[in-house]
Amino acid sequence: MELYAPILVLAVLAAGFAIFSVTIAPFTGPRRWNRAKLDAYECGIEPTPQPVGGGRFPLKYMITAMLFIVFDIEIIFLYPWAVAFDQLGIFGLVEMVLFIVTVLVAYAYVWRRKGLDWD
């Protein structure tokens, strides 16, 4: 247990600092609000008007995020396979080819349905 003591002390210090910072910030910060501070910041250009409730994002953003997650998960599965490639032998090679083919079929489907187009 003594090996974990520095990690636990660091975790307690980090949690204490985070709680302290969030708790004390409203009392110590300035309270001078104006229109410019309340506006959304969009890379230095004039922000586009948004509805009061926040507005809805186009579906293409969510689809792009889901596609990123699918292909990111594929890469995550490729790393352990590459590390243990020698031990898996031909079985590992066949399984990885099937996995990559499955993901490529999904990619071809999305491409054919124009899921990657921004227009």
C-alpha atoms as a PDB file:
ATOM      1  CA  MET A   1       0.000   0.000   0.000  1.00  0.00           C
ATOM      2  CA  GLU A   2       2.896   2.367   0.643  1.00  0.00           C
ATOM      3  CA  LEU A   3       3.733   2.352  -3.074  1.00  0.00           C
ATOM      4  CA  TYR A   4       0.365   3.930  -3.815  1.00  0.00           C
ATOM      5  CA  ALA A   5       0.629   6.620  -1.116  1.00  0.00           C
ATOM      6  CA  PRO A   6       2.187   9.283  -3.418  1.00  0.00           C
ATOM      7  CA  ILE A   7      -0.485   8.637  -6.041  1.00  0.00           C
ATOM      8  CA  LEU A   8      -3.263   8.937  -3.473  1.00  0.00           C
ATOM      9  CA  VAL A   9      -1.740  12.138  -2.038  1.00  0.00           C
ATOM     10  CA  LEU A  10      -1.504  13.609  -5.549  1.00  0.00           C
ATOM     11  CA  ALA A  11      -5.116  12.616  -6.304  1.00  0.00           C
ATOM     12  CA  VAL A  12      -6.326  14.213  -3.063  1.00  0.00           C
ATOM     13  CA  LEU A  13      -4.347  17.386  -3.784  1.00  0.00           C
ATOM     14  CA  ALA A  14      -5.692  17.574  -7.342  1.00  0.00           C
ATOM     15  CA  ALA A  15      -9.282  17.021  -6.226  1.00  0.00           C
ATOM     16  CA  GLY A  16      -8.875  19.568  -3.423  1.00  0.00           C
ATOM     17  CA  PHE A  17      -7.438  22.163  -5.797  1.00  0.00           C
ATOM     18  CA  ALA A  18     -10.244  21.573  -8.321  1.00  0.00           C
ATOM     19  CA  ILE A  19     -12.979  21.856  -5.689  1.00  0.00           C
ATOM     20  CA  PHE A  20     -11.335  24.923  -4.148  1.00  0.00           C
ATOM     21  CA  SER A  21     -10.979  26.639  -7.539  1.00  0.00           C
ATOM     22  CA  VAL A  22     -14.568  26.024  -8.566  1.00  0.00           C
ATOM     23  CA  THR A  23     -15.899  27.059  -5.152  1.00  0.00           C
ATOM     24  CA  ILE A  24     -13.886  30.266  -4.743  1.00  0.00           C
ATOM     25  CA  ALA A  25     -14.137  31.564  -8.333  1.00  0.00           C
ATOM     26  CA  PRO A  26     -17.622  33.125  -8.081  1.00  0.00           C
ATOM     27  CA  PHE A  27     -16.610  35.069  -4.966  1.00  0.00           C
ATOM     28  CA  THR A  28     -13.293  36.427  -6.218  1.00  0.00           C
ATOM     29  CA  GLY A  29     -13.946  37.098  -9.908  1.00  0.00           C
ATOM     30  CA  PRO A  30     -15.140  40.423 -11.328  1.00  0.00           C
ATOM     31  CA  ARG A  31     -18.857  40.885 -11.873  1.00  0.00           C
ATOM     32  CA  ARG A  32     -18.807  43.451 -14.679  1.00  0.00           C
ATOM     33  CA  TRP A  33     -20.966  41.865 -17.367  1.00  0.00           C
ATOM     34  CA  ASN A  34     -21.562  43.526 -20.700  1.00  0.00           C
ATOM     35  CA  ARG A  35     -22.880  42.496 -24.097  1.00  0.00           C
ATOM     36  CA  ALA A  36     -19.419  41.635 -25.453  1.00  0.00           C
ATOM     37  CA  LYS A  37     -18.665  39.237 -22.603  1.00  0.00           C
ATOM     38  CA  LEU A  38     -21.977  37.450 -22.966  1.00  0.00           C
ATOM     39  CA  ASP A  39     -21.629  36.998 -26.743  1.00  0.00           C
ATOM     40  CA  ALA A  40     -20.293  33.783 -28.208  1.00  0.00           C
ATOM     41  CA  TYR A  41     -16.733  34.038 -29.504  1.00  0.00           C
ATOM     42  CA  GLU A  42     -16.311  32.728 -33.037  1.00  0.00           C
ATOM     43  CA  CYS A  43     -12.660  33.107 -34.054  1.00  0.00           C
ATOM     44  CA  GLY A  44     -12.703  36.890 -34.087  1.00  0.00           C
ATOM     45  CA  ILE A  45     -15.569  37.234 -36.561  1.00  0.00           C
ATOM     46  CA  GLU A  46     -19.006  38.570 -35.823  1.00  0.00           C
ATOM     47  CA  PRO A  47     -21.062  35.698 -34.322  1.00  0.00           C
ATOM     48  CA  THR A  48     -24.050  34.448 -36.268  1.00  0.00           C
ATOM     49  CA  PRO A  49     -27.399  34.966 -34.553  1.00  0.00           C
ATOM     50  CA  GLN A  50     -28.624  31.936 -32.618  1.00  0.00           C
ATOM     51  CA  PRO A  51     -32.055  31.206 -31.157  1.00  0.00           C
ATOM     52  CA  VAL A  52     -32.499  31.693 -27.424  1.00  0.00           C
ATOM     53  CA  GLY A  53     -32.531  27.934 -26.733  1.00  0.00           C
ATOM     54  CA  GLY A  54     -29.189  27.427 -28.486  1.00  0.00           C
ATOM     55  CA  GLY A  55     -30.383  26.198 -31.854  1.00  0.00           C
ATOM     56  CA  ARG A  56     -29.995  22.838 -33.513  1.00  0.00           C
ATOM     57  CA  PHE A  57     -26.867  21.500 -35.142  1.00  0.00           C
ATOM     58  CA  PRO A  58     -27.140  19.983 -38.602  1.00  0.00           C
ATOM     59  CA  LEU A  59     -27.188  16.199 -38.614  1.00  0.00           C
ATOM     60  CA  LYS A  60     -23.978  16.047 -40.677  1.00  0.00           C
ATOM     61  CA  TYR A  61     -21.945  17.036 -37.600  1.00  0.00           C
ATOM     62  CA  MET A  62     -23.282  14.108 -35.592  1.00  0.00           C
ATOM     63  CA  ILE A  63     -22.782  11.688 -38.481  1.00  0.00           C
ATOM     64  CA  THR A  64     -19.204  12.871 -38.910  1.00  0.00           C
ATOM     65  CA  ALA A  65     -18.583  12.389 -35.188  1.00  0.00           C
ATOM     66  CA  MET A  66     -19.995   8.856 -35.301  1.00  0.00           C
ATOM     67  CA  LEU A  67     -17.880   7.999 -38.333  1.00  0.00           C
ATOM     68  CA  PHE A  68     -14.810   9.295 -36.554  1.00  0.00           C
ATOM     69  CA  ILE A  69     -15.603   7.097 -33.554  1.00  0.00           C
ATOM     70  CA  VAL A  70     -16.080   4.005 -35.744  1.00  0.00           C
ATOM     71  CA  PHE A  71     -12.764   4.435 -37.535  1.00  0.00           C
ATOM     72  CA  ASP A  72     -11.001   5.480 -34.342  1.00  0.00           C
ATOM     73  CA  ILE A  73     -12.136   2.252 -32.689  1.00  0.00           C
ATOM     74  CA  GLU A  74     -10.729   0.349 -35.651  1.00  0.00           C
ATOM     75  CA  ILE A  75      -7.316   1.885 -35.013  1.00  0.00           C
ATOM     76  CA  ILE A  76      -7.581   1.074 -31.310  1.00  0.00           C
ATOM     77  CA  PHE A  77      -8.119  -2.596 -32.190  1.00  0.00           C
ATOM     78  CA  LEU A  78      -5.198  -2.582 -34.623  1.00  0.00           C
ATOM     79  CA  TYR A  79      -2.603  -1.660 -31.968  1.00  0.00           C
ATOM     80  CA  PRO A  80      -2.929  -4.754 -29.739  1.00  0.00           C
ATOM     81  CA  TRP A  81      -3.129  -6.926 -32.843  1.00  0.00           C
ATOM     82  CA  ALA A  82       0.124  -5.474 -34.152  1.00  0.00           C
ATOM     83  CA  VAL A  83       1.831  -6.045 -30.799  1.00  0.00           C
ATOM     84  CA  ALA A  84       0.716  -9.671 -30.519  1.00  0.00           C
ATOM     85  CA  PHE A  85       0.965 -10.478 -34.235  1.00  0.00           C
ATOM     86  CA  ASP A  86       3.685 -13.128 -33.867  1.00  0.00           C
ATOM     87  CA  GLN A  87       1.798 -14.992 -31.158  1.00  0.00           C
ATOM     88  CA  LEU A  88      -1.542 -15.011 -32.990  1.00  0.00           C
ATOM     89  CA  GLY A  89      -0.222 -16.586 -36.167  1.00  0.00           C
ATOM     90  CA  ILE A  90      -2.487 -17.210 -39.141  1.00  0.00           C
ATOM     91  CA  PHE A  91      -5.623 -17.100 -36.973  1.00  0.00           C
ATOM     92  CA  GLY A  92      -4.879 -13.490 -35.978  1.00  0.00           C
ATOM     93  CA  LEU A  93      -4.190 -12.531 -39.574  1.00  0.00           C
ATOM     94  CA  VAL A  94      -7.489 -13.991 -40.815  1.00  0.00           C
ATOM     95  CA  GLU A  95      -9.458 -12.362 -38.003  1.00  0.00           C
ATOM     96  CA  MET A  96      -7.897  -8.960 -38.662  1.00  0.00           C
ATOM     97  CA  VAL A  97      -8.551  -9.216 -42.403  1.00  0.00           C
ATOM     98  CA  LEU A  98     -12.218  -9.989 -41.653  1.00  0.00           C
ATOM     99  CA  PHE A  99     -12.362  -7.054 -39.259  1.00  0.00           C
ATOM    100  CA  ILE A 100     -10.823  -4.642 -41.765  1.00  0.00           C
ATOM    101  CA  VAL A 101     -13.091  -5.890 -44.555  1.00  0.00           C
ATOM    102  CA  THR A 102     -16.128  -5.305 -42.331  1.00  0.00           C
ATOM    103  CA  VAL A 103     -15.028  -1.749 -41.583  1.00  0.00           C
ATOM    104  CA  LEU A 104     -14.231  -1.107 -45.254  1.00  0.00           C
ATOM    105  CA  VAL A 105     -17.721  -2.291 -46.231  1.00  0.00           C
ATOM    106  CA  ALA A 106     -19.153   0.219 -43.754  1.00  0.00           C
ATOM    107  CA  TYR A 107     -16.865   2.903 -45.180  1.00  0.00           C
ATOM    108  CA  ALA A 108     -17.949   2.101 -48.752  1.00  0.00           C
ATOM    109  CA  TYR A 109     -21.597   2.242 -47.681  1.00  0.00           C
ATOM    110  CA  VAL A 110     -21.140   5.660 -46.088  1.00  0.00           C
ATOM    111  CA  TRP A 111     -19.201   6.907 -49.084  1.00  0.00           C
ATOM    112  CA  ARG A 112     -21.851   5.669 -51.525  1.00  0.00           C
ATOM    113  CA  ARG A 113     -24.632   7.290 -49.474  1.00  0.00           C
ATOM    114  CA  LYS A 114     -22.672  10.598 -49.593  1.00  0.00           C
ATOM    115  CA  GLY A 115     -22.188  10.636 -45.827  1.00  0.00           C
ATOM    116  CA  LEU A 116     -18.746  12.202 -46.228  1.00  0.00           C
ATOM    117  CA  ASP A 117     -19.907  15.139 -48.389  1.00  0.00           C
ATOM    118  CA  TRP A 118     -20.346  18.516 -46.720  1.00  0.00           C
ATOM    119  CA  ASP A 119     -22.588  20.037 -49.392  1.00  0.00           C
END
